[in-house]
Protein backbone atom coordinates (compact mmCIF):
# COMPACT_ATOMS: atom_id res chain seq x y z
CA MET A 1 97.06 115.02 123.54
CA ARG A 2 96.79 111.26 122.61
CA ASN A 3 99.31 111.67 119.81
CA ALA A 4 101.76 113.49 122.15
CA VAL A 5 101.51 110.70 124.79
CA LEU A 6 101.99 107.97 122.11
CA LEU A 7 105.09 109.81 120.70
CA VAL A 8 106.58 110.29 124.20
CA LEU A 9 105.99 106.50 125.04
CA ILE A 10 107.75 105.55 121.65
CA LEU A 11 110.73 107.76 122.37
CA LEU A 12 111.11 106.19 125.99
CA LEU A 13 110.86 102.79 124.70
CA ALA A 14 113.57 103.37 122.02
CA THR A 15 115.84 105.19 124.56
CA ALA A 16 115.58 102.27 127.08
CA GLY A 17 116.29 99.59 124.52
CA CYS A 18 112.88 98.18 124.80
CA ILE A 19 112.02 98.11 121.13
CA THR A 20 113.75 94.81 119.94
CA VAL A 21 113.57 92.44 117.10
CA ASP A 22 111.41 89.30 118.07
CA MET A 23 111.24 86.79 115.31
CA GLY A 24 108.78 84.51 117.08
CA GLY A 25 110.03 80.97 117.09
CA GLY A 26 107.39 79.82 119.48
CA SER A 27 105.57 76.43 119.06
CA SER A 28 102.04 77.82 118.28
CA SER A 29 100.69 76.38 115.20
CA LYS A 30 98.94 79.39 114.03
CA VAL A 31 99.29 81.87 111.37
CA PRO A 32 100.59 85.27 112.54
CA THR A 33 98.26 87.71 114.23
CA VAL A 34 98.46 91.41 113.74
CA VAL A 35 97.52 92.80 117.16
CA LYS A 36 97.80 96.45 116.09
CA PHE A 37 98.70 98.36 112.91
CA GLU A 38 97.97 102.00 112.93
CA VAL A 39 99.08 105.44 111.92
CA SER A 40 98.65 108.54 113.96
CA PRO A 41 97.60 111.02 112.72
CA ASN A 42 96.00 109.37 109.81
CA SER A 43 95.99 112.75 107.77
CA ILE A 44 98.97 115.12 107.44
CA SER A 45 99.75 118.17 105.43
CA SER A 46 102.44 118.07 102.73
CA GLY A 47 105.93 118.02 104.42
CA GLY A 48 104.42 116.76 107.63
CA ALA A 49 105.05 113.44 109.47
CA ALA A 50 103.17 110.73 111.35
CA ILE A 51 104.06 107.82 113.59
CA LEU A 52 103.43 104.30 112.24
CA ALA A 53 103.06 101.72 115.10
CA TRP A 54 102.51 97.97 115.02
CA GLU A 55 102.44 94.79 117.11
CA VAL A 56 102.50 91.30 115.77
CA GLU A 57 102.34 87.89 117.34
CA ASN A 58 103.46 84.38 116.08
CA ALA A 59 105.61 85.72 113.18
CA SER A 60 108.97 84.62 112.02
CA SER A 61 109.31 87.60 109.58
CA ILE A 62 107.70 91.01 109.39
CA SER A 63 107.89 93.54 106.67
CA ILE A 64 106.12 96.89 105.99
CA ASP A 65 105.82 98.28 102.59
CA PRO A 66 106.97 100.83 101.62
CA GLY A 67 110.03 101.63 103.79
CA ILE A 68 110.68 98.74 106.27
CA PRO A 69 111.77 95.42 104.69
CA ALA A 70 112.56 93.87 108.14
CA ALA A 71 110.60 94.95 110.95
CA PRO A 72 110.49 93.91 114.76
CA SER A 73 107.40 92.21 116.22
CA MET A 74 106.56 95.42 117.89
CA GLY A 75 107.59 98.97 117.14
CA ALA A 76 107.08 102.30 115.67
CA ASP A 77 108.69 104.43 112.99
CA LYS A 78 108.41 108.10 111.78
CA VAL A 79 106.99 108.31 108.31
CA ALA A 80 106.70 111.40 106.07
CA PRO A 81 105.44 110.41 102.52
CA ALA A 82 105.14 113.11 99.90
CA THR A 83 101.79 111.73 98.70
CA THR A 84 98.80 109.75 100.02
CA THR A 85 100.23 106.25 100.76
CA THR A 86 98.82 102.80 101.90
CA TYR A 87 101.34 100.95 104.21
CA ILE A 88 101.06 97.14 104.02
CA LEU A 89 102.28 95.13 106.90
CA THR A 90 102.99 91.34 106.02
CA ALA A 91 103.72 88.86 108.89
CA SER A 92 104.79 85.39 107.97
CA ASN A 93 105.60 82.10 109.67
CA LYS A 94 105.75 78.44 108.44
CA TYR A 95 101.87 78.19 108.69
CA GLY A 96 101.01 81.07 106.41
CA SER A 97 100.94 84.97 106.18
CA THR A 98 98.75 87.69 107.53
CA ARG A 99 98.50 91.15 106.01
CA SER A 100 97.13 94.48 107.43
CA THR A 101 97.04 97.97 105.76
CA VAL A 102 96.67 101.47 106.98
CA LEU A 103 96.16 104.71 104.91
CA LEU A 104 98.09 107.87 105.46
CA THR A 105 96.42 110.82 103.69
CA VAL A 106 98.78 113.73 102.55
CA GLY A 107 97.19 116.96 101.64
CA GLY A 108 95.72 118.32 104.83
CA THR A 109 91.95 117.67 103.91
CA GLY A 110 91.79 114.44 105.84
CA SER A 111 89.60 112.97 102.95
CA ILE A 112 90.51 109.75 101.43
CA PRO A 113 90.94 110.08 97.65
CA PRO A 114 88.93 107.74 95.42
CA SER A 115 90.74 104.55 94.63
CA PRO A 116 92.00 104.17 91.10
CA THR A 117 90.23 101.71 89.02
CA SER A 118 91.82 98.26 88.15
CA VAL A 119 94.56 98.44 90.88
CA THR A 120 96.02 95.24 92.17
CA PRO A 121 94.00 93.72 95.06
CA VAL A 122 95.73 92.82 98.24
CA ILE A 123 94.81 89.76 100.41
CA ASN A 124 95.48 91.07 103.95
CA SER A 125 94.65 87.57 105.66
CA PHE A 126 93.10 84.18 104.88
CA SER A 127 93.04 81.58 107.55
CA ALA A 128 91.10 78.55 108.88
CA SER A 129 90.17 78.22 112.51
CA PRO A 130 90.76 75.50 113.53
CA SER A 131 93.12 74.31 110.85
CA ASN A 132 92.93 70.61 111.95
CA ILE A 133 89.55 68.97 112.51
CA THR A 134 88.17 65.46 112.88
CA SER A 135 85.74 64.17 110.37
CA GLY A 136 82.36 65.56 110.71
CA SER A 137 83.51 68.85 112.41
CA THR A 138 83.44 72.21 111.05
CA ALA A 139 86.14 75.09 110.59
CA VAL A 140 85.62 78.81 109.80
CA LEU A 141 87.43 80.39 106.98
CA THR A 142 88.13 84.23 107.56
CA TRP A 143 89.59 86.55 105.06
CA SER A 144 90.20 90.23 104.59
CA THR A 145 91.11 92.11 101.32
CA THR A 146 91.96 95.60 100.10
CA ASN A 147 91.27 97.08 96.67
CA ALA A 148 89.27 94.13 95.72
CA THR A 149 85.97 94.46 93.75
CA GLY A 150 85.15 90.71 94.04
CA ALA A 151 86.30 87.47 95.48
CA ARG A 152 86.02 83.71 95.10
CA ILE A 153 86.89 80.74 97.21
CA ASN A 154 87.57 77.54 95.07
CA GLY A 155 85.63 79.17 92.38
CA ALA A 156 82.53 80.20 94.29
CA ASP A 157 81.86 83.97 94.76
CA VAL A 158 82.13 85.49 98.22
CA ALA A 159 82.09 88.86 99.88
CA VAL A 160 85.64 90.70 99.60
CA ASN A 161 85.74 90.48 103.41
CA GLY A 162 84.04 87.93 105.65
CA ASN A 163 84.00 84.36 107.18
CA GLN A 164 82.41 81.10 106.11
CA MET A 165 81.74 77.81 107.81
CA VAL A 166 83.15 74.69 106.12
CA ASN A 167 82.79 71.11 106.76
CA PRO A 168 85.11 69.08 104.47
CA SER A 169 85.05 65.39 104.49
CA SER A 170 88.70 65.01 103.75
CA THR A 171 91.75 67.38 103.91
CA THR A 172 91.06 70.28 101.68
CA THR A 173 93.03 73.33 100.41
CA TYR A 174 90.91 76.44 99.98
CA LEU A 175 92.17 79.09 97.41
CA LEU A 176 91.00 82.65 97.84
CA GLU A 177 91.17 84.90 94.78
CA ALA A 178 90.63 88.65 95.16
CA VAL A 179 90.02 90.42 91.81
CA ASN A 180 89.79 93.98 90.63
CA GLY A 181 89.30 94.26 86.85
CA SER A 182 91.82 92.27 85.19
CA ASN A 183 94.09 92.09 88.18
CA SER A 184 93.81 89.34 90.70
CA THR A 185 95.67 87.95 93.69
CA SER A 186 95.36 84.46 95.35
CA PHE A 187 96.27 82.96 98.61
CA SER A 188 95.59 79.48 99.81
CA THR A 189 95.09 77.92 103.32
CA MET A 190 94.46 74.13 104.25
CA VAL A 191 92.02 72.46 106.61
CA VAL A 192 93.45 68.94 107.69
CA VAL A 193 90.73 66.33 108.35
CA THR A 194 91.58 63.13 110.39
CA SER A 195 89.12 60.37 110.84
CA THR A 196 87.82 59.70 114.40
CA ALA A 197 87.75 56.04 113.43
CA THR A 198 91.24 55.88 112.57
CA PRO A 199 93.03 53.47 115.07
CA PRO A 200 96.63 54.21 116.40
CA PRO A 201 99.22 53.02 113.78
CA ALA A 202 100.11 49.45 114.42
CA SER A 203 103.78 48.24 114.07
CA GLY A 204 104.56 47.71 110.39
CA THR A 205 101.82 49.88 109.17
CA LEU A 206 102.68 51.77 105.83
CA PRO A 207 102.26 55.68 105.81
CA THR A 208 99.21 57.08 104.32
CA ILE A 209 99.03 60.08 101.97
CA LEU A 210 95.80 61.81 103.10
CA SER A 211 95.91 64.42 100.24
CA PHE A 212 98.14 65.69 97.53
CA THR A 213 96.85 68.54 95.38
CA ALA A 214 98.11 71.23 93.00
CA SER A 215 96.39 74.69 93.12
CA PRO A 216 95.74 75.91 90.50
CA ALA A 217 95.56 72.64 88.40
CA SER A 218 95.66 74.64 85.11
CA VAL A 219 98.13 77.29 84.51
CA ALA A 220 99.35 79.48 81.59
CA LEU A 221 102.61 78.86 79.86
CA GLY A 222 105.48 79.67 82.46
CA GLY A 223 102.90 80.00 85.23
CA SER A 224 103.32 78.53 88.80
CA THR A 225 101.23 76.22 90.96
CA THR A 226 101.17 75.32 94.68
CA LEU A 227 101.51 71.76 95.63
CA ALA A 228 100.11 70.80 99.01
CA TRP A 229 100.11 67.50 100.86
CA ASN A 230 99.26 65.86 104.21
CA THR A 231 100.52 62.47 105.30
CA LEU A 232 99.83 60.08 108.48
CA ASN A 233 102.49 57.88 109.95
CA ALA A 234 105.30 59.05 107.72
CA THR A 235 108.78 59.67 108.87
CA SER A 236 109.96 61.27 105.72
CA ALA A 237 108.68 62.43 102.28
CA SER A 238 109.89 63.41 98.91
CA ILE A 239 108.68 64.84 95.62
CA ALA A 240 110.31 63.52 92.49
CA GLY A 241 112.53 66.12 91.00
CA TYR A 242 112.58 68.33 94.12
CA GLY A 243 113.90 65.89 96.78
CA ALA A 244 113.11 65.78 100.37
CA VAL A 245 110.20 67.76 101.68
CA PRO A 246 108.40 67.89 105.09
CA VAL A 247 105.80 64.97 105.80
CA SER A 248 103.06 67.69 105.46
CA GLY A 249 103.37 71.06 103.89
CA SER A 250 103.31 73.02 100.59
CA LEU A 251 105.66 74.12 97.79
CA THR A 252 105.20 76.59 95.08
CA VAL A 253 106.77 75.38 91.72
CA ASN A 254 107.22 76.95 88.30
CA THR A 255 106.05 75.10 85.35
CA THR A 256 108.03 74.50 81.85
CA GLY A 257 106.72 73.57 78.56
CA THR A 258 103.20 72.82 77.61
CA GLY A 259 100.80 69.85 78.14
CA SER A 260 100.33 67.84 81.44
CA ILE A 261 102.84 67.81 84.22
CA THR A 262 102.59 64.99 86.84
CA PHE A 263 104.07 65.47 90.20
CA ASN A 264 104.82 62.25 92.35
CA LEU A 265 104.86 62.28 96.27
CA THR A 266 106.45 59.48 98.28
CA ALA A 267 105.99 59.18 102.02
CA THR A 268 108.12 56.70 103.70
CA ASN A 269 108.51 55.04 107.28
CA SER A 270 110.17 51.86 108.63
CA ALA A 271 107.50 49.62 107.11
CA GLY A 272 107.87 50.90 103.58
CA SER A 273 106.55 53.62 101.24
CA SER A 274 103.39 55.04 99.73
CA SER A 275 103.04 56.98 96.71
CA ALA A 276 100.47 59.72 95.18
CA SER A 277 100.52 61.83 92.20
CA THR A 278 98.76 65.14 91.00
CA THR A 279 98.71 66.59 87.56
CA VAL A 280 98.87 70.04 86.29
CA SER A 281 97.74 71.25 82.82
CA VAL A 282 100.01 73.91 81.23
CA GLY A 283 98.56 76.05 78.56
CA SER A 284 100.30 76.51 75.10
CA ALA A 285 99.81 80.38 74.98
CA SER A 286 101.29 83.17 77.10
CA PRO A 287 98.44 84.62 79.45
CA THR A 288 96.79 87.67 78.03
CA THR A 289 95.77 89.31 81.34
CA GLY A 290 97.56 89.74 84.71
CA SER A 291 100.20 91.93 86.26
CA PRO A 292 103.89 92.11 86.47
CA PRO A 293 105.47 91.55 89.87
CA ILE A 294 106.07 94.10 92.54
CA ALA A 295 109.67 94.71 93.48
CA ALA A 296 111.48 97.19 95.66
CA LEU A 297 115.33 97.50 96.26
CA TYR A 298 116.88 99.41 99.23
CA VAL A 299 120.57 100.32 100.18
CA SER A 300 121.65 101.48 103.54
CA PRO A 301 123.71 103.52 103.85
CA SER A 302 123.68 105.05 100.33
CA SER A 303 127.33 106.23 100.61
CA ILE A 304 130.45 104.41 101.98
CA THR A 305 134.14 104.90 102.15
CA SER A 306 136.40 102.53 100.18
CA GLY A 307 136.68 99.31 102.22
CA GLY A 308 133.21 99.90 104.03
CA THR A 309 130.11 97.88 103.70
CA ALA A 310 126.42 98.52 102.96
CA THR A 311 123.24 96.50 103.21
CA LEU A 312 121.02 95.77 100.12
CA SER A 313 117.38 94.67 101.14
CA TRP A 314 114.63 93.72 98.64
CA MET A 315 111.01 92.98 98.59
CA THR A 316 108.93 91.25 96.00
CA SER A 317 105.45 90.05 95.40
CA GLY A 318 104.07 87.76 92.64
CA ALA A 319 107.54 87.00 91.12
CA SER A 320 108.54 83.72 89.65
CA SER A 321 112.11 84.58 89.62
CA ILE A 322 114.31 87.53 90.91
CA ALA A 323 117.89 88.58 90.33
CA ILE A 324 120.15 91.36 91.56
CA ASP A 325 123.15 92.15 89.24
CA ASN A 326 126.67 92.39 90.19
CA GLY A 327 126.70 88.87 91.34
CA VAL A 328 124.39 89.60 94.33
CA LYS A 329 121.47 87.27 94.05
CA ASN A 330 119.79 85.04 91.39
CA LEU A 331 116.69 83.03 92.48
CA VAL A 332 114.18 80.91 90.48
CA GLY A 333 110.81 79.66 91.67
CA VAL A 334 109.99 82.36 94.43
CA THR A 335 106.83 84.03 95.41
CA GLY A 336 107.00 87.04 97.70
CA ALA A 337 110.75 86.84 98.29
CA SER A 338 112.54 89.22 100.38
CA GLY A 339 115.88 89.49 102.09
CA SER A 340 119.13 91.39 102.52
CA VAL A 341 122.95 91.01 101.93
CA SER A 342 126.04 92.99 102.65
CA VAL A 343 127.99 94.33 99.81
CA SER A 344 131.43 95.98 99.85
CA PRO A 345 132.18 97.40 96.31
CA SER A 346 135.49 99.09 95.63
CA PHE A 347 133.87 101.69 93.40
CA THR A 348 130.47 103.43 92.99
CA THR A 349 128.17 100.79 91.90
CA THR A 350 124.47 100.70 90.52
CA TYR A 351 122.62 97.66 91.60
CA THR A 352 119.51 96.47 89.70
CA LEU A 353 116.68 94.24 90.95
CA THR A 354 114.91 92.38 88.29
CA ALA A 355 111.57 90.47 89.27
CA SER A 356 109.77 88.44 86.68
CA ASN A 357 106.67 86.50 86.08
CA ALA A 358 104.56 85.38 83.12
CA TYR A 359 103.22 88.92 82.75
CA GLY A 360 106.38 90.88 82.55
CA ASN A 361 109.53 92.18 84.43
CA THR A 362 109.72 94.87 87.07
CA TYR A 363 113.01 96.73 87.78
CA ASP A 364 114.34 98.74 90.65
CA SER A 365 117.79 100.35 90.78
CA LYS A 366 119.76 101.99 93.60
CA VAL A 367 123.19 103.48 93.57
CA LEU A 368 125.90 102.84 96.34
CA THR A 369 128.27 105.59 96.19
CA VAL A 370 131.91 104.62 97.24
CA MET A 371 134.28 107.48 98.35
CA ALA A 372 138.14 107.28 98.69
CA ALA A 373 139.20 106.77 102.22
CA PRO A 374 140.73 110.12 103.69
CA ILE A 375 144.51 110.27 103.64
CA MET A 376 145.78 110.66 107.21
CA PRO A 377 148.77 113.04 107.54
CA VAL A 378 152.00 111.42 108.37
CA TYR A 379 154.16 113.15 111.08
CA ARG A 380 157.84 112.90 111.59
CA TRP A 381 159.18 113.37 115.06
CA PRO A 382 160.66 117.05 115.47
CA THR A 383 164.50 117.16 115.75
CA ILE A 384 166.33 119.45 117.99
CA ASN A 385 169.60 120.02 116.01
CA ASP A 386 171.24 122.34 118.54
CA PHE A 387 170.51 123.91 122.07
CA HIS A 388 173.37 125.32 123.97
CA CYS A 389 174.39 128.31 126.04
CA SER A 390 177.34 130.51 125.22
CA ASN A 391 178.48 130.32 128.82
CA THR A 392 177.23 127.65 131.17
CA SER A 393 178.79 129.26 134.20
CA VAL A 394 178.34 132.97 134.76
CA VAL A 395 178.77 135.56 137.70
CA MET A 396 175.55 136.85 139.19
CA GLY A 397 174.45 139.94 137.12
CA ASN A 398 176.23 138.97 134.07
CA GLN A 399 174.48 137.70 130.77
CA ALA A 400 174.62 134.54 128.66
CA LYS A 401 173.31 133.72 125.40
CA LEU A 402 171.12 130.63 124.32
CA TYR A 403 171.36 129.29 120.83
CA TRP A 404 168.95 126.84 119.02
CA THR A 405 167.98 125.22 115.78
CA VAL A 406 164.80 122.85 115.36
CA THR A 407 163.39 121.04 112.21
CA ASP A 408 159.94 119.42 111.73
CA ALA A 409 158.27 121.21 114.59
CA ASP A 410 154.81 122.97 114.49
CA THR A 411 155.48 124.71 118.01
CA ILE A 412 158.71 125.52 119.92
CA THR A 413 158.80 126.90 123.44
CA ILE A 414 161.66 127.59 126.16
CA ASP A 415 160.65 127.81 129.73
CA ASN A 416 161.73 130.23 132.52
CA GLY A 417 159.89 133.14 130.99
CA ILE A 418 161.21 132.87 127.29
CA GLY A 419 158.03 131.40 125.68
CA SER A 420 157.53 130.62 122.03
CA VAL A 421 160.36 130.96 119.61
CA GLY A 422 160.99 130.25 115.94
CA ALA A 423 162.76 127.24 114.40
CA SER A 424 166.20 128.88 115.06
CA GLY A 425 167.37 131.78 116.92
CA THR A 426 169.25 133.24 120.10
CA VAL A 427 168.36 135.01 123.13
CA TYR A 428 170.19 136.71 125.96
CA ILE A 429 169.53 135.44 129.56
CA TYR A 430 170.28 137.15 132.89
CA PRO A 431 169.99 134.30 135.55
CA VAL A 432 170.35 135.33 139.08
CA VAL A 433 170.47 131.72 140.46
CA THR A 434 171.61 128.48 138.89
CA THR A 435 168.94 127.78 136.29
CA THR A 436 167.97 124.91 133.93
CA TYR A 437 166.44 126.10 130.55
CA THR A 438 164.33 123.45 128.62
CA LEU A 439 163.42 123.58 124.96
CA MET A 440 160.38 121.61 123.83
CA ALA A 441 159.50 121.01 120.09
CA SER A 442 156.14 119.43 119.20
CA ASN A 443 154.03 118.31 116.05
CA GLY A 444 151.06 116.15 115.67
CA GLY A 445 151.19 115.06 119.39
CA ASN A 446 154.92 114.11 119.17
CA THR A 447 157.25 116.26 121.50
CA VAL A 448 160.98 116.14 122.21
CA ALA A 449 162.91 118.23 124.67
CA ARG A 450 166.44 119.19 125.45
CA SER A 451 167.75 121.14 128.60
CA VAL A 452 170.84 123.28 129.36
CA THR A 453 171.92 124.46 132.91
CA VAL A 454 173.61 127.68 133.59
CA VAL A 455 175.45 127.84 137.00
CA VAL A 456 175.36 131.18 138.65
CA THR A 457 178.23 132.22 141.15
CA PRO A 458 178.22 135.19 143.49
């Protein structure tokens, strides 16, 4: 009964236009919150279907993998997987990302199959509350993972799900690593610490760089690192080689070559500039463990007529670069990139998404079928070549004869009881009063007519 009520409510909302895309945009400085993410029922038989429902707050982008690369902040969708499937909801905004998962079991037993060994772990969420504290105060780190057999925060072992109080003396970036065998996933969050003794900035005070870190500080050849920084009293900031950046924020960059790479941050205001640097060590050998990125490509619709358009959508995780052939997309230095673009090929085309990182490449291809536009028939106007009467004035009781020839007509009729006729012919008439006879010729919605009057005298 509960499932039936839920389904009826979803259908009513969709019919009334109440399920809309809400991309957030509010002023709240919080990572997104997943209010609800559930599947009903959570176990179906092969060939059955379930309803996936969700509600998210404070998100600028939402995706559900597999199947929904761009989701509204609240909605529901019918799903019918062929095998047991874990659905992953990822909600993001400029402060970070939150993940949530649900499992839909296919097979009718309702039991959850054992998880395969050494699968890629997923960090559903990792956040600090509050994310801004004064010196001497505490914050709480909270995290949730899936498919993880172990976890670490800044190198210290922790439970795979839990929370922990922290009391940093300065602004600190915390890196959560979830591991399963040789596979690992990481995500970072920052706690900004401001001093209670810091006076308001006086006129002419230089900006202060509170922190500038790289995490991890040591990477394998071709690996990536996340730069994070926080400044005080700055009106602008820049990183050498990368240009202007926010006065506080983070940036994921790819490394090249080997040895040490130094990144330089400059914070500026009207009084002048301040600088800070951080160094990353790049190994000389390719990593021996890790996983290729996750990538998925979608096309909707999968078939168009010539001159029509379709939408290519893609989702990736753990990629340092992605490319979609046929001139669609080529991005370098991306992590968790997703998006969509309209395409209008003139012939059937196979699009291939290539996602790469230091551990290998992942490919996904989709075919967009292009069909020739239907040829519309061209109709010519029908032509009445002749329509006349052998005698247009007769004595009552006498006969007359109608003659006609018509071309390019599908239907031809003569009124006053004669009806449908051929393209040419004759017919005897016996009018008792003066009568006007009208011939009508039609094709494809086009109609022409011609009349002749026969005068009857006593």
